[in-house]
Protein backbone atom coordinates (compact mmCIF):
# COMPACT_ATOMS: atom_id res chain seq x y z
CA MET A 1 15.57 -8.07 -18.96
CA SER A 2 17.97 -7.01 -21.30
CA GLN A 3 20.88 -4.64 -20.45
CA THR A 4 19.32 -1.30 -21.88
CA THR A 5 16.22 -1.80 -20.34
CA ALA A 6 18.05 -2.73 -16.86
CA GLN A 7 20.30 0.40 -16.99
CA SER A 8 17.63 2.73 -18.77
CA ARG A 9 15.40 2.32 -15.22
CA PRO A 10 16.63 3.61 -11.90
CA SER A 11 16.75 0.76 -9.36
CA THR A 12 15.35 1.22 -5.96
CA SER A 13 16.23 -2.06 -4.91
CA THR A 14 19.02 -4.23 -3.48
CA VAL A 15 18.06 -7.70 -2.32
CA PRO A 16 15.48 -7.88 0.19
CA ALA A 17 16.54 -7.36 3.85
CA HIS A 18 13.38 -9.60 4.86
CA GLY A 19 13.66 -12.07 1.68
CA SER A 20 12.04 -11.83 -1.73
CA THR A 21 9.80 -8.51 -2.69
CA ARG A 22 6.94 -10.90 -3.22
CA ALA A 23 7.38 -12.74 0.19
CA ARG A 24 7.39 -9.36 1.70
CA LEU A 25 4.24 -8.47 -0.14
CA GLU A 26 2.35 -11.54 0.78
CA GLU A 27 3.35 -11.07 4.46
CA LEU A 28 1.69 -7.08 4.10
CA LEU A 29 -1.17 -8.26 2.54
CA ASN A 30 -1.69 -11.09 5.58
CA TYR A 31 -1.22 -8.39 7.74
CA ILE A 32 -4.13 -6.18 6.36
CA GLN A 33 -6.51 -8.91 5.85
CA ASN A 34 -5.72 -9.24 9.32
CA GLY A 35 -6.92 -5.98 10.45
CA ARG A 36 -3.32 -5.23 11.25
CA ILE A 37 -2.64 -2.33 9.01
CA ILE A 38 -1.10 0.12 11.75
CA GLU A 39 1.63 -2.79 12.81
CA ALA A 40 1.62 -3.35 8.97
CA MET A 41 2.79 -0.13 8.33
CA ASN A 42 5.75 -0.15 11.42
CA GLU A 43 6.75 -3.52 9.78
CA PHE A 44 6.86 -2.72 5.72
CA TYR A 45 7.22 1.18 5.49
CA ASP A 46 10.30 2.72 5.66
CA PRO A 47 10.51 5.92 7.96
CA SER A 48 10.89 7.96 5.24
CA VAL A 49 8.03 6.61 3.22
CA ARG A 50 6.35 8.71 0.78
CA MET A 51 2.45 7.55 -0.06
CA GLN A 52 -0.15 9.90 -2.35
CA GLU A 53 -3.68 9.06 -3.20
CA ASN A 54 -3.92 10.14 -7.15
CA GLY A 55 -2.71 13.62 -7.83
CA ASN A 56 -2.97 14.70 -4.29
CA ALA A 57 0.07 15.79 -2.74
CA PRO A 58 1.78 12.94 -1.22
CA THR A 59 1.90 12.38 2.62
CA VAL A 60 6.25 12.25 3.81
CA GLY A 61 7.26 10.15 6.59
CA LEU A 62 6.31 7.31 8.53
CA PRO A 63 4.37 8.86 11.18
CA ALA A 64 2.57 11.50 9.16
CA ASN A 65 1.32 8.42 7.17
CA ILE A 66 0.34 6.53 10.30
CA GLU A 67 -1.41 9.78 11.52
CA ARG A 68 -3.54 9.83 7.95
CA GLU A 69 -4.17 6.20 8.35
CA ARG A 70 -5.25 6.42 11.57
CA GLN A 71 -8.10 9.29 10.65
CA PHE A 72 -9.16 7.51 7.57
CA LEU A 73 -9.70 4.07 10.18
CA ALA A 74 -11.70 6.62 12.45
CA GLY A 75 -14.16 7.01 9.84
CA VAL A 76 -14.50 3.09 9.81
CA LYS A 77 -17.32 1.45 11.88
CA GLU A 78 -17.23 -1.81 10.63
CA TRP A 79 -14.90 -3.90 8.16
CA LYS A 80 -16.59 -5.66 5.81
CA GLY A 81 -13.70 -6.97 3.78
CA PHE A 82 -10.10 -6.87 2.03
CA THR A 83 -10.20 -8.87 -1.15
CA VAL A 84 -7.04 -8.96 -3.58
CA LEU A 85 -8.71 -9.24 -6.87
CA ALA A 86 -4.83 -9.16 -8.54
CA LYS A 87 -1.24 -8.81 -7.63
CA ALA A 88 2.48 -8.71 -9.05
CA ALA A 89 5.89 -8.09 -7.76
CA THR A 90 9.39 -7.57 -9.74
CA ASP A 91 12.73 -7.24 -7.43
CA ASP A 92 11.64 -3.54 -6.20
CA VAL A 93 8.03 -2.76 -7.47
CA THR A 94 4.91 -4.32 -6.46
CA PHE A 95 1.37 -3.47 -8.11
CA VAL A 96 -1.91 -4.68 -5.83
CA GLU A 97 -5.64 -4.40 -7.18
CA ASN A 98 -8.11 -4.84 -4.09
CA ARG A 99 -12.07 -4.15 -2.93
CA ILE A 100 -12.39 -2.79 0.20
CA GLU A 101 -15.65 -2.39 1.40
CA PHE A 102 -17.00 -1.35 5.13
CA ILE A 103 -19.63 0.47 7.11
CA ALA A 104 -18.54 4.34 7.76
CA THR A 105 -19.45 5.89 10.68
CA SER A 106 -22.18 7.82 9.46
CA GLY A 107 -23.86 4.34 8.45
CA ALA A 108 -23.02 4.49 4.14
CA ALA A 109 -22.05 1.04 3.07
CA VAL A 110 -18.63 1.75 1.10
CA SER A 111 -17.29 -0.35 -1.70
CA MET A 112 -14.28 0.88 -3.63
CA GLN A 113 -11.66 -0.44 -5.74
CA GLN A 114 -8.07 0.98 -5.61
CA VAL A 115 -4.81 -0.16 -7.41
CA SER A 116 -1.60 -0.07 -5.18
CA VAL A 117 2.10 0.63 -6.81
CA ALA A 118 4.84 0.27 -3.91
CA ARG A 119 8.39 0.77 -4.57
CA TRP A 120 10.75 -1.13 -2.00
CA ARG A 121 14.08 -0.73 -0.39
CA ASP A 122 15.63 -3.73 1.47
CA GLY A 123 12.47 -4.97 2.14
CA LYS A 124 10.75 -1.94 2.99
CA ILE A 125 8.19 0.45 1.24
CA VAL A 126 9.85 3.58 0.12
CA GLU A 127 7.08 4.90 -2.01
CA GLU A 128 3.11 4.10 -2.77
CA ARG A 129 0.79 5.89 -4.60
CA PHE A 130 -3.10 4.81 -4.78
CA TYR A 131 -5.52 4.84 -7.94
CA TYR A 132 -8.72 4.89 -7.44
CA ASP A 133 -12.00 6.43 -8.05
CA ALA A 134 -12.39 9.50 -5.66
CA SER A 135 -16.53 9.51 -6.13
CA ALA A 136 -16.44 6.04 -4.14
CA LYS A 137 -14.90 7.10 -1.41
CA ALA A 138 -16.59 7.98 2.14
């Protein structure tokens, strides 16, 4: 990376407290693939995390985001899959494209693809944004 590029981009990271950002991403994906979503949030997300879906207002703070995730999970009757389609990591940013499939409590089968972009600091996610086609969400 050129010195000019490095200086023009604000850094949110020092060396991650728990190893490389790429390794932390792999651990996070492992938690999710094993259905340990709330545990993952407690392990990998900063207490002041800001999470945002598409252009909606961000949800701020780990407790509020855990509650938001619990509300989403309450609408899931049966998980069918979480497939990582692509992923990338730098020192302080990760990108994941994935497909989630589940049966909603309404009985509807849901399959949606999304991309998440996460910014990391000291081994924790401090900001994450999800991009997906909102018409595909149950």
